[in-house]
Amino acid sequence: MILSRRFTAALAVACALVLAGCQTRFDNPTAWGQIATGVGAIIGKTDIDPQIEKVSAKLAKYCAELQTAAIAVDAFAPDKLQAAARDGRIAIATFCASPPKNVAEAIAGVVTAYAAIATARAEG
């Protein structure tokens, strides 16, 4: 009974967040951050949080190398791939700025990277 109520409440909140996402401009990082926070609050702790923290810690050790490689790719990419190279550089910078320790933080990180990419694209 309690599980059913929690599931129904989580489903209702998820639907509200989806609707909020539909009404959010793609280049508004504040709104996307609020949505990511809401999703993170719904998800809470998961069984795979320890694995995410472990992998994240390993990747964080290589942030300097990843960022250097992303800059090199960005500098030498053909014109057709410049936008994709810039998007990759932004995604790596977002991850390295705040490596996730759990599923909720990973979702927030993806949303933050998406908002940063959308903003960069809007600015040209």
PDB file of N, CA and C in Angstrom:
ATOM      1  N   MET A   1       0.816  -1.190   0.000  1.00  0.00           N
ATOM      2  CA  MET A   1       0.000   0.000   0.000  1.00  0.00           C
ATOM      3  C   MET A   1       0.865   1.260   0.000  1.00  0.00           C
ATOM      4  N   ILE A   2       1.866   1.301   0.911  1.00  0.00           N
ATOM      5  CA  ILE A   2       2.748   2.460   0.994  1.00  0.00           C
ATOM      6  C   ILE A   2       3.566   2.577  -0.289  1.00  0.00           C
ATOM      7  N   LEU A   3       4.034   1.435  -0.804  1.00  0.00           N
ATOM      8  CA  LEU A   3       4.806   1.440  -2.045  1.00  0.00           C
ATOM      9  C   LEU A   3       3.958   1.973  -3.200  1.00  0.00           C
ATOM     10  N   SER A   4       2.695   1.608  -3.221  1.00  0.00           N
ATOM     11  CA  SER A   4       1.786   2.078  -4.257  1.00  0.00           C
ATOM     12  C   SER A   4       1.611   3.594  -4.183  1.00  0.00           C
ATOM     13  N   ARG A   5       1.485   4.120  -2.987  1.00  0.00           N
ATOM     14  CA  ARG A   5       1.335   5.571  -2.807  1.00  0.00           C
ATOM     15  C   ARG A   5       2.600   6.305  -3.235  1.00  0.00           C
ATOM     16  N   ARG A   6       3.763   5.751  -2.858  1.00  0.00           N
ATOM     17  CA  ARG A   6       5.030   6.377  -3.241  1.00  0.00           C
ATOM     18  C   ARG A   6       5.198   6.365  -4.758  1.00  0.00           C
ATOM     19  N   PHE A   7       4.853   5.244  -5.363  1.00  0.00           N
ATOM     20  CA  PHE A   7       4.964   5.142  -6.811  1.00  0.00           C
ATOM     21  C   PHE A   7       4.042   6.149  -7.487  1.00  0.00           C
ATOM     22  N   THR A   8       2.825   6.261  -7.006  1.00  0.00           N
ATOM     23  CA  THR A   8       1.876   7.213  -7.584  1.00  0.00           C
ATOM     24  C   THR A   8       2.369   8.642  -7.410  1.00  0.00           C
ATOM     25  N   ALA A   9       2.894   8.958  -6.231  1.00  0.00           N
ATOM     26  CA  ALA A   9       3.415  10.303  -5.981  1.00  0.00           C
ATOM     27  C   ALA A   9       4.620  10.583  -6.876  1.00  0.00           C
ATOM     28  N   ALA A  10       5.524   9.606  -7.007  1.00  0.00           N
ATOM     29  CA  ALA A  10       6.691   9.784  -7.866  1.00  0.00           C
ATOM     30  C   ALA A  10       6.281   9.958  -9.321  1.00  0.00           C
ATOM     31  N   LEU A  11       5.293   9.209  -9.753  1.00  0.00           N
ATOM     32  CA  LEU A  11       4.799   9.318 -11.120  1.00  0.00           C
ATOM     33  C   LEU A  11       4.188  10.699 -11.368  1.00  0.00           C
ATOM     34  N   ALA A  12       3.439  11.192 -10.406  1.00  0.00           N
ATOM     35  CA  ALA A  12       2.825  12.519 -10.541  1.00  0.00           C
ATOM     36  C   ALA A  12       3.888  13.606 -10.620  1.00  0.00           C
ATOM     37  N   VAL A  13       4.900  13.502  -9.772  1.00  0.00           N
ATOM     38  CA  VAL A  13       5.977  14.499  -9.792  1.00  0.00           C
ATOM     39  C   VAL A  13       6.757  14.404 -11.097  1.00  0.00           C
ATOM     40  N   ALA A  14       7.015  13.183 -11.567  1.00  0.00           N
ATOM     41  CA  ALA A  14       7.728  13.008 -12.830  1.00  0.00           C
ATOM     42  C   ALA A  14       6.942  13.629 -13.984  1.00  0.00           C
ATOM     43  N   CYS A  15       5.662  13.424 -13.992  1.00  0.00           N
ATOM     44  CA  CYS A  15       4.822  14.025 -15.045  1.00  0.00           C
ATOM     45  C   CYS A  15       4.883  15.547 -14.975  1.00  0.00           C
ATOM     46  N   ALA A  16       4.862  16.087 -13.771  1.00  0.00           N
ATOM     47  CA  ALA A  16       4.950  17.542 -13.613  1.00  0.00           C
ATOM     48  C   ALA A  16       6.290  18.062 -14.133  1.00  0.00           C
ATOM     49  N   LEU A  17       7.361  17.325 -13.862  1.00  0.00           N
ATOM     50  CA  LEU A  17       8.670  17.738 -14.347  1.00  0.00           C
ATOM     51  C   LEU A  17       8.756  17.665 -15.863  1.00  0.00           C
ATOM     52  N   VAL A  18       8.157  16.642 -16.434  1.00  0.00           N
ATOM     53  CA  VAL A  18       8.144  16.523 -17.890  1.00  0.00           C
ATOM     54  C   VAL A  18       7.381  17.696 -18.502  1.00  0.00           C
ATOM     55  N   LEU A  19       6.265  18.019 -17.930  1.00  0.00           N
ATOM     56  CA  LEU A  19       5.496  19.158 -18.423  1.00  0.00           C
ATOM     57  C   LEU A  19       6.275  20.459 -18.255  1.00  0.00           C
ATOM     58  N   ALA A  20       6.991  20.582 -17.154  1.00  0.00           N
ATOM     59  CA  ALA A  20       7.825  21.772 -16.950  1.00  0.00           C
ATOM     60  C   ALA A  20       8.914  21.830 -18.012  1.00  0.00           C
ATOM     61  N   GLY A  21       9.480  20.683 -18.344  1.00  0.00           N
ATOM     62  CA  GLY A  21      10.497  20.635 -19.389  1.00  0.00           C
ATOM     63  C   GLY A  21       9.946  21.048 -20.735  1.00  0.00           C
ATOM     64  N   CYS A  22       8.718  20.690 -21.016  1.00  0.00           N
ATOM     65  CA  CYS A  22       8.092  21.072 -22.285  1.00  0.00           C
ATOM     66  C   CYS A  22       7.898  22.577 -22.379  1.00  0.00           C
ATOM     67  N   GLN A  23       7.745  23.239 -21.245  1.00  0.00           N
ATOM     68  CA  GLN A  23       7.513  24.676 -21.224  1.00  0.00           C
ATOM     69  C   GLN A  23       8.800  25.479 -21.058  1.00  0.00           C
ATOM     70  N   THR A  24       9.936  24.792 -20.945  1.00  0.00           N
ATOM     71  CA  THR A  24      11.208  25.454 -20.680  1.00  0.00           C
ATOM     72  C   THR A  24      11.948  25.733 -21.976  1.00  0.00           C
ATOM     73  N   ARG A  25      12.498  26.924 -22.083  1.00  0.00           N
ATOM     74  CA  ARG A  25      13.334  27.233 -23.237  1.00  0.00           C
ATOM     75  C   ARG A  25      14.604  26.410 -23.150  1.00  0.00           C
ATOM     76  N   PHE A  26      15.081  25.941 -24.301  1.00  0.00           N
ATOM     77  CA  PHE A  26      16.247  25.068 -24.325  1.00  0.00           C
ATOM     78  C   PHE A  26      17.521  25.755 -23.878  1.00  0.00           C
ATOM     79  N   ASP A  27      17.598  27.078 -23.987  1.00  0.00           N
ATOM     80  CA  ASP A  27      18.820  27.788 -23.633  1.00  0.00           C
ATOM     81  C   ASP A  27      18.732  28.483 -22.271  1.00  0.00           C
ATOM     82  N   ASN A  28      17.865  27.994 -21.390  1.00  0.00           N
ATOM     83  CA  ASN A  28      17.713  28.585 -20.066  1.00  0.00           C
ATOM     84  C   ASN A  28      18.315  27.644 -19.019  1.00  0.00           C
ATOM     85  N   PRO A  29      19.610  27.832 -18.669  1.00  0.00           N
ATOM     86  CA  PRO A  29      20.260  26.914 -17.741  1.00  0.00           C
ATOM     87  C   PRO A  29      19.633  26.899 -16.347  1.00  0.00           C
ATOM     88  N   THR A  30      19.092  28.020 -15.900  1.00  0.00           N
ATOM     89  CA  THR A  30      18.481  28.061 -14.567  1.00  0.00           C
ATOM     90  C   THR A  30      17.283  27.139 -14.491  1.00  0.00           C
ATOM     91  N   ALA A  31      16.436  27.201 -15.500  1.00  0.00           N
ATOM     92  CA  ALA A  31      15.248  26.348 -15.506  1.00  0.00           C
ATOM     93  C   ALA A  31      15.631  24.881 -15.581  1.00  0.00           C
ATOM     94  N   TRP A  32      16.592  24.554 -16.437  1.00  0.00           N
ATOM     95  CA  TRP A  32      17.013  23.151 -16.552  1.00  0.00           C
ATOM     96  C   TRP A  32      17.655  22.677 -15.255  1.00  0.00           C
ATOM     97  N   GLY A  33      18.384  23.558 -14.579  1.00  0.00           N
ATOM     98  CA  GLY A  33      18.970  23.185 -13.288  1.00  0.00           C
ATOM     99  C   GLY A  33      17.903  22.869 -12.251  1.00  0.00           C
ATOM    100  N   GLN A  34      16.823  23.647 -12.260  1.00  0.00           N
ATOM    101  CA  GLN A  34      15.728  23.386 -11.327  1.00  0.00           C
ATOM    102  C   GLN A  34      15.050  22.054 -11.646  1.00  0.00           C
ATOM    103  N   ILE A  35      14.878  21.770 -12.923  1.00  0.00           N
ATOM    104  CA  ILE A  35      14.273  20.493 -13.313  1.00  0.00           C
ATOM    105  C   ILE A  35      15.180  19.340 -12.893  1.00  0.00           C
ATOM    106  N   ALA A  36      16.492  19.476 -13.118  1.00  0.00           N
ATOM    107  CA  ALA A  36      17.434  18.421 -12.736  1.00  0.00           C
ATOM    108  C   ALA A  36      17.415  18.189 -11.223  1.00  0.00           C
ATOM    109  N   THR A  37      17.324  19.272 -10.467  1.00  0.00           N
ATOM    110  CA  THR A  37      17.253  19.143  -9.011  1.00  0.00           C
ATOM    111  C   THR A  37      16.001  18.380  -8.602  1.00  0.00           C
ATOM    112  N   GLY A  38      14.880  18.691  -9.245  1.00  0.00           N
ATOM    113  CA  GLY A  38      13.635  17.991  -8.951  1.00  0.00           C
ATOM    114  C   GLY A  38      13.720  16.515  -9.280  1.00  0.00           C
ATOM    115  N   VAL A  39      14.305  16.200 -10.422  1.00  0.00           N
ATOM    116  CA  VAL A  39      14.463  14.790 -10.805  1.00  0.00           C
ATOM    117  C   VAL A  39      15.377  14.083  -9.812  1.00  0.00           C
ATOM    118  N   GLY A  40      16.460  14.758  -9.416  1.00  0.00           N
ATOM    119  CA  GLY A  40      17.377  14.162  -8.439  1.00  0.00           C
ATOM    120  C   GLY A  40      16.697  13.891  -7.110  1.00  0.00           C
ATOM    121  N   ALA A  41      15.814  14.783  -6.700  1.00  0.00           N
ATOM    122  CA  ALA A  41      15.092  14.589  -5.447  1.00  0.00           C
ATOM    123  C   ALA A  41      14.154  13.386  -5.537  1.00  0.00           C
ATOM    124  N   ILE A  42      13.573  13.182  -6.710  1.00  0.00           N
ATOM    125  CA  ILE A  42      12.670  12.045  -6.879  1.00  0.00           C
ATOM    126  C   ILE A  42      13.446  10.739  -6.872  1.00  0.00           C
ATOM    127  N   ILE A  43      14.573  10.727  -7.572  1.00  0.00           N
ATOM    128  CA  ILE A  43      15.347   9.481  -7.701  1.00  0.00           C
ATOM    129  C   ILE A  43      15.929   9.060  -6.363  1.00  0.00           C
ATOM    130  N   GLY A  44      16.526   9.998  -5.652  1.00  0.00           N
ATOM    131  CA  GLY A  44      17.133   9.670  -4.368  1.00  0.00           C
ATOM    132  C   GLY A  44      18.310   8.716  -4.537  1.00  0.00           C
ATOM    133  N   LYS A  45      18.554   7.885  -3.546  1.00  0.00           N
ATOM    134  CA  LYS A  45      19.668   6.938  -3.595  1.00  0.00           C
ATOM    135  C   LYS A  45      19.272   5.720  -4.421  1.00  0.00           C
ATOM    136  N   THR A  46      20.237   5.212  -5.179  1.00  0.00           N
ATOM    137  CA  THR A  46      20.002   4.013  -5.979  1.00  0.00           C
ATOM    138  C   THR A  46      21.077   2.971  -5.682  1.00  0.00           C
ATOM    139  N   ASP A  47      20.855   1.773  -6.182  1.00  0.00           N
ATOM    140  CA  ASP A  47      21.818   0.689  -5.966  1.00  0.00           C
ATOM    141  C   ASP A  47      23.114   0.898  -6.745  1.00  0.00           C
ATOM    142  N   ILE A  48      23.066   1.692  -7.818  1.00  0.00           N
ATOM    143  CA  ILE A  48      24.270   1.868  -8.629  1.00  0.00           C
ATOM    144  C   ILE A  48      25.073   3.115  -8.267  1.00  0.00           C
ATOM    145  N   ASP A  49      24.668   3.836  -7.257  1.00  0.00           N
ATOM    146  CA  ASP A  49      25.411   5.024  -6.836  1.00  0.00           C
ATOM    147  C   ASP A  49      26.887   4.721  -6.533  1.00  0.00           C
ATOM    148  N   PRO A  50      27.208   3.631  -5.821  1.00  0.00           N
ATOM    149  CA  PRO A  50      28.633   3.353  -5.560  1.00  0.00           C
ATOM    150  C   PRO A  50      29.446   3.127  -6.838  1.00  0.00           C
ATOM    151  N   GLN A  51      28.830   2.463  -7.829  1.00  0.00           N
ATOM    152  CA  GLN A  51      29.553   2.231  -9.084  1.00  0.00           C
ATOM    153  C   GLN A  51      29.777   3.547  -9.830  1.00  0.00           C
ATOM    154  N   ILE A  52      28.774   4.424  -9.804  1.00  0.00           N
ATOM    155  CA  ILE A  52      28.927   5.720 -10.472  1.00  0.00           C
ATOM    156  C   ILE A  52      30.035   6.525  -9.802  1.00  0.00           C
ATOM    157  N   GLU A  53      30.062   6.514  -8.490  1.00  0.00           N
ATOM    158  CA  GLU A  53      31.110   7.250  -7.774  1.00  0.00           C
ATOM    159  C   GLU A  53      32.496   6.693  -8.105  1.00  0.00           C
ATOM    160  N   LYS A  54      32.608   5.374  -8.203  1.00  0.00           N
ATOM    161  CA  LYS A  54      33.889   4.734  -8.502  1.00  0.00           C
ATOM    162  C   LYS A  54      34.378   5.099  -9.910  1.00  0.00           C
ATOM    163  N   VAL A  55      33.502   4.968 -10.895  1.00  0.00           N
ATOM    164  CA  VAL A  55      33.867   5.293 -12.278  1.00  0.00           C
ATOM    165  C   VAL A  55      34.151   6.784 -12.410  1.00  0.00           C
ATOM    166  N   SER A  56      33.347   7.590 -11.769  1.00  0.00           N
ATOM    167  CA  SER A  56      33.518   9.035 -11.825  1.00  0.00           C
ATOM    168  C   SER A  56      34.876   9.442 -11.250  1.00  0.00           C
ATOM    169  N   ALA A  57      35.273   8.820 -10.156  1.00  0.00           N
ATOM    170  CA  ALA A  57      36.565   9.137  -9.542  1.00  0.00           C
ATOM    171  C   ALA A  57      37.712   8.767 -10.479  1.00  0.00           C
ATOM    172  N   LYS A  58      37.579   7.625 -11.173  1.00  0.00           N
ATOM    173  CA  LYS A  58      38.616   7.219 -12.132  1.00  0.00           C
ATOM    174  C   LYS A  58      38.707   8.209 -13.283  1.00  0.00           C
ATOM    175  N   LEU A  59      37.551   8.611 -13.821  1.00  0.00           N
ATOM    176  CA  LEU A  59      37.558   9.562 -14.936  1.00  0.00           C
ATOM    177  C   LEU A  59      38.068  10.928 -14.506  1.00  0.00           C
ATOM    178  N   ALA A  60      37.753  11.331 -13.284  1.00  0.00           N
ATOM    179  CA  ALA A  60      38.180  12.644 -12.793  1.00  0.00           C
ATOM    180  C   ALA A  60      39.701  12.753 -12.744  1.00  0.00           C
ATOM    181  N   LYS A  61      40.392  11.628 -12.553  1.00  0.00           N
ATOM    182  CA  LYS A  61      41.855  11.641 -12.532  1.00  0.00           C
ATOM    183  C   LYS A  61      42.428  12.051 -13.886  1.00  0.00           C
ATOM    184  N   TYR A  62      41.662  11.838 -14.933  1.00  0.00           N
ATOM    185  CA  TYR A  62      42.141  12.121 -16.288  1.00  0.00           C
ATOM    186  C   TYR A  62      41.542  13.393 -16.886  1.00  0.00           C
ATOM    187  N   CYS A  63      40.969  14.243 -16.058  1.00  0.00           N
ATOM    188  CA  CYS A  63      40.315  15.454 -16.566  1.00  0.00           C
ATOM    189  C   CYS A  63      41.274  16.346 -17.344  1.00  0.00           C
ATOM    190  N   ALA A  64      42.471  16.526 -16.845  1.00  0.00           N
ATOM    191  CA  ALA A  64      43.420  17.405 -17.544  1.00  0.00           C
ATOM    192  C   ALA A  64      43.724  16.860 -18.941  1.00  0.00           C
ATOM    193  N   GLU A  65      43.953  15.547 -19.029  1.00  0.00           N
ATOM    194  CA  GLU A  65      44.232  14.936 -20.327  1.00  0.00           C
ATOM    195  C   GLU A  65      43.026  15.023 -21.256  1.00  0.00           C
ATOM    196  N   LEU A  66      41.823  14.774 -20.701  1.00  0.00           N
ATOM    197  CA  LEU A  66      40.611  14.855 -21.519  1.00  0.00           C
ATOM    198  C   LEU A  66      40.382  16.272 -22.030  1.00  0.00           C
ATOM    199  N   GLN A  67      40.584  17.250 -21.174  1.00  0.00           N
ATOM    200  CA  GLN A  67      40.379  18.637 -21.594  1.00  0.00           C
ATOM    201  C   GLN A  67      41.413  19.058 -22.636  1.00  0.00           C
ATOM    202  N   THR A  68      42.657  18.608 -22.485  1.00  0.00           N
ATOM    203  CA  THR A  68      43.686  18.916 -23.477  1.00  0.00           C
ATOM    204  C   THR A  68      43.338  18.281 -24.818  1.00  0.00           C
ATOM    205  N   ALA A  69      42.904  17.026 -24.763  1.00  0.00           N
ATOM    206  CA  ALA A  69      42.512  16.344 -26.003  1.00  0.00           C
ATOM    207  C   ALA A  69      41.322  17.040 -26.655  1.00  0.00           C
ATOM    208  N   ALA A  70      40.353  17.470 -25.851  1.00  0.00           N
ATOM    209  CA  ALA A  70      39.170  18.153 -26.398  1.00  0.00           C
ATOM    210  C   ALA A  70      39.557  19.470 -27.056  1.00  0.00           C
ATOM    211  N   ILE A  71      40.490  20.194 -26.464  1.00  0.00           N
ATOM    212  CA  ILE A  71      40.949  21.450 -27.062  1.00  0.00           C
ATOM    213  C   ILE A  71      41.669  21.166 -28.383  1.00  0.00           C
ATOM    214  N   ALA A  72      42.491  20.115 -28.402  1.00  0.00           N
ATOM    215  CA  ALA A  72      43.208  19.754 -29.627  1.00  0.00           C
ATOM    216  C   ALA A  72      42.228  19.370 -30.735  1.00  0.00           C
ATOM    217  N   VAL A  73      41.243  18.572 -30.386  1.00  0.00           N
ATOM    218  CA  VAL A  73      40.239  18.177 -31.385  1.00  0.00           C
ATOM    219  C   VAL A  73      39.494  19.411 -31.867  1.00  0.00           C
ATOM    220  N   ASP A  74      39.138  20.280 -30.947  1.00  0.00           N
ATOM    221  CA  ASP A  74      38.425  21.508 -31.300  1.00  0.00           C
ATOM    222  C   ASP A  74      39.272  22.374 -32.244  1.00  0.00           C
ATOM    223  N   ALA A  75      40.564  22.435 -31.985  1.00  0.00           N
ATOM    224  CA  ALA A  75      41.449  23.280 -32.792  1.00  0.00           C
ATOM    225  C   ALA A  75      41.673  22.711 -34.196  1.00  0.00           C
ATOM    226  N   PHE A  76      41.742  21.386 -34.298  1.00  0.00           N
ATOM    227  CA  PHE A  76      42.095  20.776 -35.573  1.00  0.00           C
ATOM    228  C   PHE A  76      40.924  20.130 -36.304  1.00  0.00           C
ATOM    229  N   ALA A  77      39.748  20.220 -35.763  1.00  0.00           N
ATOM    230  CA  ALA A  77      38.578  19.604 -36.413  1.00  0.00           C
ATOM    231  C   ALA A  77      38.234  20.364 -37.684  1.00  0.00           C
ATOM    232  N   PRO A  78      37.802  19.622 -38.701  1.00  0.00           N
ATOM    233  CA  PRO A  78      37.348  20.310 -39.916  1.00  0.00           C
ATOM    234  C   PRO A  78      36.125  21.179 -39.609  1.00  0.00           C
ATOM    235  N   ASP A  79      35.858  22.125 -40.478  1.00  0.00           N
ATOM    236  CA  ASP A  79      34.748  23.057 -40.259  1.00  0.00           C
ATOM    237  C   ASP A  79      33.423  22.356 -39.988  1.00  0.00           C
ATOM    238  N   LYS A  80      33.177  21.246 -40.666  1.00  0.00           N
ATOM    239  CA  LYS A  80      31.912  20.524 -40.491  1.00  0.00           C
ATOM    240  C   LYS A  80      31.777  19.952 -39.079  1.00  0.00           C
ATOM    241  N   LEU A  81      32.902  19.730 -38.413  1.00  0.00           N
ATOM    242  CA  LEU A  81      32.865  19.099 -37.086  1.00  0.00           C
ATOM    243  C   LEU A  81      33.137  20.077 -35.945  1.00  0.00           C
ATOM    244  N   GLN A  82      33.307  21.346 -36.246  1.00  0.00           N
ATOM    245  CA  GLN A  82      33.617  22.325 -35.205  1.00  0.00           C
ATOM    246  C   GLN A  82      32.544  22.382 -34.115  1.00  0.00           C
ATOM    247  N   ALA A  83      31.285  22.353 -34.503  1.00  0.00           N
ATOM    248  CA  ALA A  83      30.209  22.432 -33.504  1.00  0.00           C
ATOM    249  C   ALA A  83      30.217  21.206 -32.596  1.00  0.00           C
ATOM    250  N   ALA A  84      30.420  20.027 -33.186  1.00  0.00           N
ATOM    251  CA  ALA A  84      30.460  18.803 -32.379  1.00  0.00           C
ATOM    252  C   ALA A  84      31.674  18.810 -31.450  1.00  0.00           C
ATOM    253  N   ALA A  85      32.804  19.305 -31.934  1.00  0.00           N
ATOM    254  CA  ALA A  85      34.008  19.391 -31.100  1.00  0.00           C
ATOM    255  C   ALA A  85      33.786  20.348 -29.931  1.00  0.00           C
ATOM    256  N   ARG A  86      33.128  21.491 -30.207  1.00  0.00           N
ATOM    257  CA  ARG A  86      32.834  22.448 -29.139  1.00  0.00           C
ATOM    258  C   ARG A  86      31.887  21.834 -28.106  1.00  0.00           C
ATOM    259  N   ASP A  87      30.869  21.111 -28.592  1.00  0.00           N
ATOM    260  CA  ASP A  87      29.924  20.462 -27.680  1.00  0.00           C
ATOM    261  C   ASP A  87      30.643  19.448 -26.785  1.00  0.00           C
ATOM    262  N   GLY A  88      31.559  18.689 -27.367  1.00  0.00           N
ATOM    263  CA  GLY A  88      32.327  17.714 -26.584  1.00  0.00           C
ATOM    264  C   GLY A  88      33.192  18.384 -25.533  1.00  0.00           C
ATOM    265  N   ARG A  89      33.828  19.485 -25.920  1.00  0.00           N
ATOM    266  CA  ARG A  89      34.664  20.231 -24.972  1.00  0.00           C
ATOM    267  C   ARG A  89      33.833  20.752 -23.805  1.00  0.00           C
ATOM    268  N   ILE A  90      32.640  21.254 -24.103  1.00  0.00           N
ATOM    269  CA  ILE A  90      31.753  21.764 -23.053  1.00  0.00           C
ATOM    270  C   ILE A  90      31.305  20.637 -22.133  1.00  0.00           C
ATOM    271  N   ALA A  91      30.958  19.490 -22.707  1.00  0.00           N
ATOM    272  CA  ALA A  91      30.521  18.347 -21.888  1.00  0.00           C
ATOM    273  C   ALA A  91      31.636  17.877 -20.961  1.00  0.00           C
ATOM    274  N   ILE A  92      32.857  17.802 -21.472  1.00  0.00           N
ATOM    275  CA  ILE A  92      33.992  17.372 -20.642  1.00  0.00           C
ATOM    276  C   ILE A  92      34.258  18.400 -19.544  1.00  0.00           C
ATOM    277  N   ALA A  93      34.219  19.675 -19.889  1.00  0.00           N
ATOM    278  CA  ALA A  93      34.450  20.723 -18.881  1.00  0.00           C
ATOM    279  C   ALA A  93      33.391  20.674 -17.790  1.00  0.00           C
ATOM    280  N   THR A  94      32.149  20.399 -18.166  1.00  0.00           N
ATOM    281  CA  THR A  94      31.067  20.308 -17.180  1.00  0.00           C
ATOM    282  C   THR A  94      31.296  19.139 -16.244  1.00  0.00           C
ATOM    283  N   PHE A  95      31.674  17.985 -16.795  1.00  0.00           N
ATOM    284  CA  PHE A  95      31.943  16.810 -15.966  1.00  0.00           C
ATOM    285  C   PHE A  95      33.107  17.081 -15.023  1.00  0.00           C
ATOM    286  N   CYS A  96      34.192  17.631 -15.560  1.00  0.00           N
ATOM    287  CA  CYS A  96      35.385  17.852 -14.747  1.00  0.00           C
ATOM    288  C   CYS A  96      35.160  18.904 -13.655  1.00  0.00           C
ATOM    289  N   ALA A  97      34.263  19.840 -13.896  1.00  0.00           N
ATOM    290  CA  ALA A  97      33.965  20.852 -12.888  1.00  0.00           C
ATOM    291  C   ALA A  97      33.260  20.249 -11.673  1.00  0.00           C
ATOM    292  N   SER A  98      32.473  19.198 -11.908  1.00  0.00           N
ATOM    293  CA  SER A  98      31.716  18.591 -10.819  1.00  0.00           C
ATOM    294  C   SER A  98      31.422  17.122 -11.142  1.00  0.00           C
ATOM    295  N   PRO A  99      32.402  16.230 -10.921  1.00  0.00           N
ATOM    296  CA  PRO A  99      32.174  14.810 -11.212  1.00  0.00           C
ATOM    297  C   PRO A  99      31.033  14.259 -10.346  1.00  0.00           C
ATOM    298  N   PRO A 100      30.093  13.551 -10.957  1.00  0.00           N
ATOM    299  CA  PRO A 100      28.941  13.048 -10.195  1.00  0.00           C
ATOM    300  C   PRO A 100      29.322  11.913  -9.253  1.00  0.00           C
ATOM    301  N   LYS A 101      28.616  11.850  -8.144  1.00  0.00           N
ATOM    302  CA  LYS A 101      28.843  10.784  -7.175  1.00  0.00           C
ATOM    303  C   LYS A 101      27.666   9.822  -7.102  1.00  0.00           C
ATOM    304  N   ASN A 102      26.563  10.151  -7.789  1.00  0.00           N
ATOM    305  CA  ASN A 102      25.386   9.282  -7.778  1.00  0.00           C
ATOM    306  C   ASN A 102      24.536   9.570  -9.020  1.00  0.00           C
ATOM    307  N   VAL A 103      23.464   8.835  -9.162  1.00  0.00           N
ATOM    308  CA  VAL A 103      22.606   8.968 -10.333  1.00  0.00           C
ATOM    309  C   VAL A 103      22.013  10.376 -10.426  1.00  0.00           C
ATOM    310  N   ALA A 104      21.549  10.905  -9.308  1.00  0.00           N
ATOM    311  CA  ALA A 104      20.932  12.239  -9.321  1.00  0.00           C
ATOM    312  C   ALA A 104      21.928  13.293  -9.795  1.00  0.00           C
ATOM    313  N   GLU A 105      23.165  13.244  -9.310  1.00  0.00           N
ATOM    314  CA  GLU A 105      24.184  14.205  -9.728  1.00  0.00           C
ATOM    315  C   GLU A 105      24.559  14.003 -11.195  1.00  0.00           C
ATOM    316  N   ALA A 106      24.558  12.749 -11.651  1.00  0.00           N
ATOM    317  CA  ALA A 106      24.853  12.475 -13.056  1.00  0.00           C
ATOM    318  C   ALA A 106      23.785  13.094 -13.959  1.00  0.00           C
ATOM    319  N   ILE A 107      22.526  12.955 -13.572  1.00  0.00           N
ATOM    320  CA  ILE A 107      21.436  13.556 -14.353  1.00  0.00           C
ATOM    321  C   ILE A 107      21.570  15.077 -14.343  1.00  0.00           C
ATOM    322  N   ALA A 108      21.857  15.633 -13.178  1.00  0.00           N
ATOM    323  CA  ALA A 108      22.039  17.085 -13.091  1.00  0.00           C
ATOM    324  C   ALA A 108      23.211  17.538 -13.951  1.00  0.00           C
ATOM    325  N   GLY A 109      24.279  16.746 -13.981  1.00  0.00           N
ATOM    326  CA  GLY A 109      25.435  17.074 -14.809  1.00  0.00           C
ATOM    327  C   GLY A 109      25.118  17.056 -16.291  1.00  0.00           C
ATOM    328  N   VAL A 110      24.342  16.067 -16.714  1.00  0.00           N
ATOM    329  CA  VAL A 110      23.940  15.992 -18.120  1.00  0.00           C
ATOM    330  C   VAL A 110      23.086  17.206 -18.484  1.00  0.00           C
ATOM    331  N   VAL A 111      22.166  17.558 -17.597  1.00  0.00           N
ATOM    332  CA  VAL A 111      21.300  18.713 -17.854  1.00  0.00           C
ATOM    333  C   VAL A 111      22.127  19.999 -17.884  1.00  0.00           C
ATOM    334  N   THR A 112      23.082  20.130 -16.989  1.00  0.00           N
ATOM    335  CA  THR A 112      23.942  21.313 -16.959  1.00  0.00           C
ATOM    336  C   THR A 112      24.759  21.416 -18.246  1.00  0.00           C
ATOM    337  N   ALA A 113      25.308  20.282 -18.678  1.00  0.00           N
ATOM    338  CA  ALA A 113      26.081  20.272 -19.927  1.00  0.00           C
ATOM    339  C   ALA A 113      25.185  20.634 -21.109  1.00  0.00           C
ATOM    340  N   TYR A 114      23.978  20.084 -21.123  1.00  0.00           N
ATOM    341  CA  TYR A 114      23.041  20.382 -22.213  1.00  0.00           C
ATOM    342  C   TYR A 114      22.711  21.876 -22.249  1.00  0.00           C
ATOM    343  N   ALA A 115      22.462  22.441 -21.084  1.00  0.00           N
ATOM    344  CA  ALA A 115      22.142  23.872 -21.023  1.00  0.00           C
ATOM    345  C   ALA A 115      23.330  24.717 -21.481  1.00  0.00           C
ATOM    346  N   ALA A 116      24.539  24.323 -21.096  1.00  0.00           N
ATOM    347  CA  ALA A 116      25.733  25.064 -21.510  1.00  0.00           C
ATOM    348  C   ALA A 116      25.935  24.963 -23.019  1.00  0.00           C
ATOM    349  N   ILE A 117      25.688  23.791 -23.579  1.00  0.00           N
ATOM    350  CA  ILE A 117      25.807  23.610 -25.029  1.00  0.00           C
ATOM    351  C   ILE A 117      24.748  24.440 -25.751  1.00  0.00           C
ATOM    352  N   ALA A 118      23.523  24.421 -25.243  1.00  0.00           N
ATOM    353  CA  ALA A 118      22.449  25.204 -25.871  1.00  0.00           C
ATOM    354  C   ALA A 118      22.766  26.695 -25.820  1.00  0.00           C
ATOM    355  N   THR A 119      23.313  27.154 -24.706  1.00  0.00           N
ATOM    356  CA  THR A 119      23.689  28.558 -24.583  1.00  0.00           C
ATOM    357  C   THR A 119      24.801  28.920 -25.562  1.00  0.00           C
ATOM    358  N   ALA A 120      25.809  28.049 -25.657  1.00  0.00           N
ATOM    359  CA  ALA A 120      26.918  28.298 -26.590  1.00  0.00           C
ATOM    360  C   ALA A 120      26.414  28.333 -28.033  1.00  0.00           C
ATOM    361  N   ARG A 121      25.491  27.441 -28.360  1.00  0.00           N
ATOM    362  CA  ARG A 121      24.941  27.440 -29.716  1.00  0.00           C
ATOM    363  C   ARG A 121      24.139  28.710 -29.996  1.00  0.00           C
ATOM    364  N   ALA A 122      23.403  29.174 -28.997  1.00  0.00           N
ATOM    365  CA  ALA A 122      22.588  30.377 -29.172  1.00  0.00           C
ATOM    366  C   ALA A 122      23.475  31.619 -29.364  1.00  0.00           C
ATOM    367  N   GLU A 123      24.616  31.617 -28.699  1.00  0.00           N
ATOM    368  CA  GLU A 123      25.534  32.750 -28.804  1.00  0.00           C
ATOM    369  C   GLU A 123      26.325  32.719 -30.107  1.00  0.00           C
ATOM    370  N   GLY A 124      26.333  31.558 -30.752  1.00  0.00           N
ATOM    371  CA  GLY A 124      26.994  31.442 -32.061  1.00  0.00           C
ATOM    372  C   GLY A 124      28.371  31.028 -31.913  1.00  0.00           C
TER     373      GLY A 124
END
